[in-house]
Amino acid sequence: MLNSGLLAAFVPTFMVVSFTPGMCMTLAMSMGMTIGVRKALWMMLGELTGVGLVATSSVIGVAAIMLQAPEFFTWFKWIGGAYLGWLGIQMWQSKGSLAMPENPDNYNRNTKPWALISQGFVTAVANPKGWAFFVVFLPPFIDVDKPMAPQLVVLTLLLLSIEFVSLLLYANGGKALAKMLTKTSNVKTINRVSGTLMIGVGLWLALG
């Protein structure tokens, strides 16, 4: 298991990283605005699965191999970025399952959990900077004189817990912003702000 010194260094370090605005946090805020925090949990499930995969792969060395195949990330990034950008355009036009409908009776009926999970997973896994970060960040917290598996489990659970709290905060921030805008009955503004964030995530993923 990890010693207290490593834990004392790991937790605040990753908290700073996780709470800093990034692609996944922007995605959480966007979805919090339009589909609400509860349904955004599906996206968070996909994102956390992706982060766990990247973190685990980084420690066992798979990430180092993945980073040697830039063409894989190029295609993955462009496809994922284009998909998120298309969703953002739909939201800007108040269309699609992620947009907030002007008729409350239709709110969120067509949002598919699997689609939300996929969006979160792709956003987490398709970013080569995320892989590179974990390759550099996680190994120093592994004690080579102790069994790796228990340490990896503890580190992964800790970072996923911190990441989940961060996603919830951003999603709730988006929900609060949506409530503020709803007071003016301007649903289109909510969709356009959220759609712009989504398009930004798509561009960030594709061009980052």
C-alpha atoms as a PDB file:
ATOM      1  CA  MET A   1       0.000   0.000   0.000  1.00  0.00           C
ATOM      2  CA  LEU A   2       0.975   3.645  -0.327  1.00  0.00           C
ATOM      3  CA  ASN A   3       2.705   5.360   2.559  1.00  0.00           C
ATOM      4  CA  SER A   4       1.232   8.489   4.108  1.00  0.00           C
ATOM      5  CA  GLY A   5       3.894  10.711   2.576  1.00  0.00           C
ATOM      6  CA  LEU A   6       3.009   9.693  -0.960  1.00  0.00           C
ATOM      7  CA  LEU A   7      -0.711  10.106  -0.281  1.00  0.00           C
ATOM      8  CA  ALA A   8      -0.137  13.542   1.240  1.00  0.00           C
ATOM      9  CA  ALA A   9       1.616  14.600  -1.957  1.00  0.00           C
ATOM     10  CA  PHE A  10      -0.697  12.824  -4.420  1.00  0.00           C
ATOM     11  CA  VAL A  11      -4.078  14.130  -3.244  1.00  0.00           C
ATOM     12  CA  PRO A  12      -3.426  17.904  -3.371  1.00  0.00           C
ATOM     13  CA  THR A  13      -1.399  17.576  -6.565  1.00  0.00           C
ATOM     14  CA  PHE A  14      -4.145  15.779  -8.447  1.00  0.00           C
ATOM     15  CA  MET A  15      -6.824  18.040  -6.958  1.00  0.00           C
ATOM     16  CA  VAL A  16      -5.127  21.046  -8.535  1.00  0.00           C
ATOM     17  CA  VAL A  17      -4.936  19.236 -11.868  1.00  0.00           C
ATOM     18  CA  SER A  18      -8.508  17.931 -11.758  1.00  0.00           C
ATOM     19  CA  PHE A  19     -10.181  21.183 -10.703  1.00  0.00           C
ATOM     20  CA  THR A  20      -8.402  23.151 -13.414  1.00  0.00           C
ATOM     21  CA  PRO A  21     -10.784  23.802 -16.357  1.00  0.00           C
ATOM     22  CA  GLY A  22     -10.233  21.316 -19.159  1.00  0.00           C
ATOM     23  CA  MET A  23     -12.069  19.392 -21.836  1.00  0.00           C
ATOM     24  CA  CYS A  24     -13.907  17.024 -19.513  1.00  0.00           C
ATOM     25  CA  MET A  25     -14.866  19.758 -17.062  1.00  0.00           C
ATOM     26  CA  THR A  26     -16.148  21.949 -19.885  1.00  0.00           C
ATOM     27  CA  LEU A  27     -18.170  19.016 -21.193  1.00  0.00           C
ATOM     28  CA  ALA A  28     -19.653  18.477 -17.717  1.00  0.00           C
ATOM     29  CA  MET A  29     -20.632  22.144 -17.454  1.00  0.00           C
ATOM     30  CA  SER A  30     -22.208  22.068 -20.914  1.00  0.00           C
ATOM     31  CA  MET A  31     -24.307  19.018 -20.106  1.00  0.00           C
ATOM     32  CA  GLY A  32     -25.198  20.332 -16.674  1.00  0.00           C
ATOM     33  CA  MET A  33     -26.730  23.349 -18.391  1.00  0.00           C
ATOM     34  CA  THR A  34     -28.937  21.457 -20.800  1.00  0.00           C
ATOM     35  CA  ILE A  35     -29.677  17.913 -19.630  1.00  0.00           C
ATOM     36  CA  GLY A  36     -29.107  18.401 -15.906  1.00  0.00           C
ATOM     37  CA  VAL A  37     -26.672  16.901 -13.430  1.00  0.00           C
ATOM     38  CA  ARG A  38     -28.480  13.578 -13.016  1.00  0.00           C
ATOM     39  CA  LYS A  39     -28.365  12.662 -16.700  1.00  0.00           C
ATOM     40  CA  ALA A  40     -24.857  14.083 -17.015  1.00  0.00           C
ATOM     41  CA  LEU A  41     -23.817  11.296 -14.631  1.00  0.00           C
ATOM     42  CA  TRP A  42     -23.884   8.957 -17.630  1.00  0.00           C
ATOM     43  CA  MET A  43     -21.255  11.110 -19.338  1.00  0.00           C
ATOM     44  CA  MET A  44     -19.245  11.128 -16.111  1.00  0.00           C
ATOM     45  CA  LEU A  45     -19.363   7.318 -16.019  1.00  0.00           C
ATOM     46  CA  GLY A  46     -17.796   7.191 -19.471  1.00  0.00           C
ATOM     47  CA  GLU A  47     -15.242   9.859 -18.614  1.00  0.00           C
ATOM     48  CA  LEU A  48     -14.197   8.151 -15.393  1.00  0.00           C
ATOM     49  CA  THR A  49     -13.911   4.809 -17.197  1.00  0.00           C
ATOM     50  CA  GLY A  50     -11.648   6.460 -19.751  1.00  0.00           C
ATOM     51  CA  VAL A  51      -9.522   8.174 -17.113  1.00  0.00           C
ATOM     52  CA  GLY A  52      -9.162   4.909 -15.195  1.00  0.00           C
ATOM     53  CA  LEU A  53      -8.072   3.128 -18.370  1.00  0.00           C
ATOM     54  CA  VAL A  54      -5.520   5.796 -19.234  1.00  0.00           C
ATOM     55  CA  ALA A  55      -4.156   5.944 -15.679  1.00  0.00           C
ATOM     56  CA  THR A  56      -3.806   2.174 -15.387  1.00  0.00           C
ATOM     57  CA  SER A  57      -2.221   1.882 -18.821  1.00  0.00           C
ATOM     58  CA  SER A  58       0.237   4.622 -17.962  1.00  0.00           C
ATOM     59  CA  VAL A  59       1.558   2.768 -14.932  1.00  0.00           C
ATOM     60  CA  ILE A  60       1.884  -0.634 -16.605  1.00  0.00           C
ATOM     61  CA  GLY A  61       3.592   0.852 -19.649  1.00  0.00           C
ATOM     62  CA  VAL A  62       0.875   0.545 -22.286  1.00  0.00           C
ATOM     63  CA  ALA A  63       0.661   4.328 -22.571  1.00  0.00           C
ATOM     64  CA  ALA A  64       4.290   4.538 -23.639  1.00  0.00           C
ATOM     65  CA  ILE A  65       3.471   2.225 -26.545  1.00  0.00           C
ATOM     66  CA  MET A  66       0.310   4.157 -27.412  1.00  0.00           C
ATOM     67  CA  LEU A  67       2.226   7.428 -27.556  1.00  0.00           C
ATOM     68  CA  GLN A  68       4.451   5.890 -30.244  1.00  0.00           C
ATOM     69  CA  ALA A  69       1.406   5.648 -32.558  1.00  0.00           C
ATOM     70  CA  PRO A  70       0.493   9.302 -33.229  1.00  0.00           C
ATOM     71  CA  GLU A  71      -1.617   8.336 -36.251  1.00  0.00           C
ATOM     72  CA  PHE A  72      -4.005   6.485 -33.914  1.00  0.00           C
ATOM     73  CA  PHE A  73      -4.548   9.589 -31.828  1.00  0.00           C
ATOM     74  CA  THR A  74      -4.836  11.792 -34.895  1.00  0.00           C
ATOM     75  CA  TRP A  75      -7.786   9.820 -36.259  1.00  0.00           C
ATOM     76  CA  PHE A  76      -9.348   9.354 -32.831  1.00  0.00           C
ATOM     77  CA  LYS A  77      -8.999  13.051 -32.021  1.00  0.00           C
ATOM     78  CA  TRP A  78     -10.488  14.238 -35.304  1.00  0.00           C
ATOM     79  CA  ILE A  79     -13.410  11.819 -35.230  1.00  0.00           C
ATOM     80  CA  GLY A  80     -14.182  12.570 -31.578  1.00  0.00           C
ATOM     81  CA  GLY A  81     -13.727  16.311 -32.042  1.00  0.00           C
ATOM     82  CA  ALA A  82     -15.945  16.380 -35.136  1.00  0.00           C
ATOM     83  CA  TYR A  83     -18.671  14.471 -33.313  1.00  0.00           C
ATOM     84  CA  LEU A  84     -18.635  16.817 -30.328  1.00  0.00           C
ATOM     85  CA  GLY A  85     -18.563  19.824 -32.655  1.00  0.00           C
ATOM     86  CA  TRP A  86     -21.607  18.483 -34.518  1.00  0.00           C
ATOM     87  CA  LEU A  87     -23.444  18.053 -31.222  1.00  0.00           C
ATOM     88  CA  GLY A  88     -22.536  21.628 -30.304  1.00  0.00           C
ATOM     89  CA  ILE A  89     -23.922  22.948 -33.579  1.00  0.00           C
ATOM     90  CA  GLN A  90     -27.148  21.060 -32.959  1.00  0.00           C
ATOM     91  CA  MET A  91     -27.384  22.553 -29.487  1.00  0.00           C
ATOM     92  CA  TRP A  92     -26.761  26.024 -30.909  1.00  0.00           C
ATOM     93  CA  GLN A  93     -29.770  25.446 -33.163  1.00  0.00           C
ATOM     94  CA  SER A  94     -31.828  24.100 -30.219  1.00  0.00           C
ATOM     95  CA  LYS A  95     -31.929  20.706 -31.917  1.00  0.00           C
ATOM     96  CA  GLY A  96     -30.900  17.218 -30.885  1.00  0.00           C
ATOM     97  CA  SER A  97     -31.242  15.262 -27.661  1.00  0.00           C
ATOM     98  CA  LEU A  98     -28.763  17.401 -25.696  1.00  0.00           C
ATOM     99  CA  ALA A  99     -30.470  20.731 -26.364  1.00  0.00           C
ATOM    100  CA  MET A 100     -32.943  22.145 -23.885  1.00  0.00           C
ATOM    101  CA  PRO A 101     -36.324  22.168 -25.683  1.00  0.00           C
ATOM    102  CA  GLU A 102     -38.478  25.242 -25.561  1.00  0.00           C
ATOM    103  CA  ASN A 103     -41.377  22.952 -24.723  1.00  0.00           C
ATOM    104  CA  PRO A 104     -40.727  21.622 -21.179  1.00  0.00           C
ATOM    105  CA  ASP A 105     -42.910  18.573 -21.843  1.00  0.00           C
ATOM    106  CA  ASN A 106     -40.228  17.240 -24.207  1.00  0.00           C
ATOM    107  CA  TYR A 107     -37.322  17.886 -21.862  1.00  0.00           C
ATOM    108  CA  ASN A 108     -34.559  15.244 -22.040  1.00  0.00           C
ATOM    109  CA  ARG A 109     -36.804  12.444 -23.308  1.00  0.00           C
ATOM    110  CA  ASN A 110     -34.485  11.441 -26.127  1.00  0.00           C
ATOM    111  CA  THR A 111     -31.158  11.507 -24.312  1.00  0.00           C
ATOM    112  CA  LYS A 112     -29.568   8.070 -24.679  1.00  0.00           C
ATOM    113  CA  PRO A 113     -27.371   6.912 -21.767  1.00  0.00           C
ATOM    114  CA  TRP A 114     -25.029   4.987 -24.068  1.00  0.00           C
ATOM    115  CA  ALA A 115     -24.444   8.079 -26.212  1.00  0.00           C
ATOM    116  CA  LEU A 116     -23.566  10.106 -23.116  1.00  0.00           C
ATOM    117  CA  ILE A 117     -21.219   7.391 -21.843  1.00  0.00           C
ATOM    118  CA  SER A 118     -19.496   7.302 -25.241  1.00  0.00           C
ATOM    119  CA  GLN A 119     -19.002  11.076 -25.294  1.00  0.00           C
ATOM    120  CA  GLY A 120     -17.350  11.049 -21.888  1.00  0.00           C
ATOM    121  CA  PHE A 121     -15.169   8.041 -22.724  1.00  0.00           C
ATOM    122  CA  VAL A 122     -13.974   9.428 -26.063  1.00  0.00           C
ATOM    123  CA  THR A 123     -13.176  12.813 -24.544  1.00  0.00           C
ATOM    124  CA  ALA A 124     -11.036  11.176 -21.839  1.00  0.00           C
ATOM    125  CA  VAL A 125      -9.250   8.618 -24.014  1.00  0.00           C
ATOM    126  CA  ALA A 126      -8.702  10.538 -27.266  1.00  0.00           C
ATOM    127  CA  ASN A 127      -6.493  13.203 -25.740  1.00  0.00           C
ATOM    128  CA  PRO A 128      -2.782  12.293 -26.123  1.00  0.00           C
ATOM    129  CA  LYS A 129      -1.883  15.008 -23.610  1.00  0.00           C
ATOM    130  CA  GLY A 130      -3.858  13.058 -21.013  1.00  0.00           C
ATOM    131  CA  TRP A 131      -1.830   9.929 -21.741  1.00  0.00           C
ATOM    132  CA  ALA A 132       1.425  11.874 -21.611  1.00  0.00           C
ATOM    133  CA  PHE A 133       0.393  13.522 -18.344  1.00  0.00           C
ATOM    134  CA  PHE A 134      -0.318  10.242 -16.595  1.00  0.00           C
ATOM    135  CA  VAL A 135       2.911   8.695 -17.924  1.00  0.00           C
ATOM    136  CA  VAL A 136       4.810  11.483 -16.171  1.00  0.00           C
ATOM    137  CA  PHE A 137       2.509  11.988 -13.173  1.00  0.00           C
ATOM    138  CA  LEU A 138       1.659   8.541 -11.804  1.00  0.00           C
ATOM    139  CA  PRO A 139       4.868   6.420 -11.818  1.00  0.00           C
ATOM    140  CA  PRO A 140       6.681   8.607  -9.239  1.00  0.00           C
ATOM    141  CA  PHE A 141       3.951   7.713  -6.727  1.00  0.00           C
ATOM    142  CA  ILE A 142       4.556   3.969  -7.137  1.00  0.00           C
ATOM    143  CA  ASP A 143       6.977   2.392  -4.655  1.00  0.00           C
ATOM    144  CA  VAL A 144       8.984  -0.153  -6.653  1.00  0.00           C
ATOM    145  CA  ASP A 145       9.848  -2.060  -3.475  1.00  0.00           C
ATOM    146  CA  LYS A 146       6.188  -2.939  -2.856  1.00  0.00           C
ATOM    147  CA  PRO A 147       3.598  -4.878  -4.931  1.00  0.00           C
ATOM    148  CA  MET A 148       2.341  -2.627  -7.712  1.00  0.00           C
ATOM    149  CA  ALA A 149      -1.270  -3.863  -7.946  1.00  0.00           C
ATOM    150  CA  PRO A 150      -2.495  -2.659  -4.522  1.00  0.00           C
ATOM    151  CA  GLN A 151      -0.783   0.706  -5.007  1.00  0.00           C
ATOM    152  CA  LEU A 152      -2.326   1.120  -8.456  1.00  0.00           C
ATOM    153  CA  VAL A 153      -5.789   0.308  -7.107  1.00  0.00           C
ATOM    154  CA  VAL A 154      -5.471   2.917  -4.344  1.00  0.00           C
ATOM    155  CA  LEU A 155      -4.116   5.613  -6.674  1.00  0.00           C
ATOM    156  CA  THR A 156      -6.788   4.952  -9.293  1.00  0.00           C
ATOM    157  CA  LEU A 157      -9.624   5.036  -6.764  1.00  0.00           C
ATOM    158  CA  LEU A 158      -8.278   8.280  -5.321  1.00  0.00           C
ATOM    159  CA  LEU A 159      -7.900  10.038  -8.646  1.00  0.00           C
ATOM    160  CA  LEU A 160     -11.317   8.849  -9.864  1.00  0.00           C
ATOM    161  CA  SER A 161     -12.925  10.104  -6.649  1.00  0.00           C
ATOM    162  CA  ILE A 162     -11.304  13.508  -7.042  1.00  0.00           C
ATOM    163  CA  GLU A 163     -12.222  13.621 -10.736  1.00  0.00           C
ATOM    164  CA  PHE A 164     -15.848  12.724  -9.954  1.00  0.00           C
ATOM    165  CA  VAL A 165     -16.151  15.514  -7.380  1.00  0.00           C
ATOM    166  CA  SER A 166     -14.702  17.962  -9.892  1.00  0.00           C
ATOM    167  CA  LEU A 167     -17.116  16.847 -12.620  1.00  0.00           C
ATOM    168  CA  LEU A 168     -20.046  17.236 -10.227  1.00  0.00           C
ATOM    169  CA  LEU A 169     -18.968  20.758  -9.304  1.00  0.00           C
ATOM    170  CA  TYR A 170     -18.713  21.816 -12.940  1.00  0.00           C
ATOM    171  CA  ALA A 171     -22.014  20.165 -13.866  1.00  0.00           C
ATOM    172  CA  ASN A 172     -23.756  21.868 -10.953  1.00  0.00           C
ATOM    173  CA  GLY A 173     -22.179  25.143 -12.011  1.00  0.00           C
ATOM    174  CA  GLY A 174     -23.694  24.672 -15.453  1.00  0.00           C
ATOM    175  CA  LYS A 175     -27.060  23.859 -13.906  1.00  0.00           C
ATOM    176  CA  ALA A 176     -26.920  27.007 -11.757  1.00  0.00           C
ATOM    177  CA  LEU A 177     -26.064  29.093 -14.818  1.00  0.00           C
ATOM    178  CA  ALA A 178     -28.981  27.551 -16.696  1.00  0.00           C
ATOM    179  CA  LYS A 179     -31.354  28.432 -13.849  1.00  0.00           C
ATOM    180  CA  MET A 180     -30.144  32.007 -13.896  1.00  0.00           C
ATOM    181  CA  LEU A 181     -30.697  32.270 -17.633  1.00  0.00           C
ATOM    182  CA  THR A 182     -34.064  30.505 -17.444  1.00  0.00           C
ATOM    183  CA  LYS A 183     -35.381  33.348 -15.304  1.00  0.00           C
ATOM    184  CA  THR A 184     -35.309  35.435 -18.454  1.00  0.00           C
ATOM    185  CA  SER A 185     -37.126  32.640 -20.332  1.00  0.00           C
ATOM    186  CA  ASN A 186     -34.276  32.613 -22.801  1.00  0.00           C
ATOM    187  CA  VAL A 187     -33.883  28.907 -23.516  1.00  0.00           C
ATOM    188  CA  LYS A 188     -32.099  29.652 -26.788  1.00  0.00           C
ATOM    189  CA  THR A 189     -29.368  31.467 -24.888  1.00  0.00           C
ATOM    190  CA  ILE A 190     -28.825  28.416 -22.682  1.00  0.00           C
ATOM    191  CA  ASN A 191     -28.551  26.167 -25.727  1.00  0.00           C
ATOM    192  CA  ARG A 192     -26.173  28.559 -27.470  1.00  0.00           C
ATOM    193  CA  VAL A 193     -23.884  28.955 -24.474  1.00  0.00           C
ATOM    194  CA  SER A 194     -23.832  25.202 -23.919  1.00  0.00           C
ATOM    195  CA  GLY A 195     -23.406  24.524 -27.636  1.00  0.00           C
ATOM    196  CA  THR A 196     -20.480  26.940 -27.791  1.00  0.00           C
ATOM    197  CA  LEU A 197     -18.827  25.097 -24.894  1.00  0.00           C
ATOM    198  CA  MET A 198     -19.411  21.792 -26.677  1.00  0.00           C
ATOM    199  CA  ILE A 199     -17.940  23.112 -29.928  1.00  0.00           C
ATOM    200  CA  GLY A 200     -14.983  24.393 -27.929  1.00  0.00           C
ATOM    201  CA  VAL A 201     -14.396  20.940 -26.460  1.00  0.00           C
ATOM    202  CA  GLY A 202     -14.556  19.444 -29.959  1.00  0.00           C
ATOM    203  CA  LEU A 203     -11.984  21.912 -31.300  1.00  0.00           C
ATOM    204  CA  TRP A 204      -9.835  21.432 -28.208  1.00  0.00           C
ATOM    205  CA  LEU A 205      -9.874  17.679 -28.718  1.00  0.00           C
ATOM    206  CA  ALA A 206      -9.231  17.802 -32.467  1.00  0.00           C
ATOM    207  CA  LEU A 207      -6.546  20.487 -32.491  1.00  0.00           C
ATOM    208  CA  GLY A 208      -4.959  20.099 -29.055  1.00  0.00           C
END
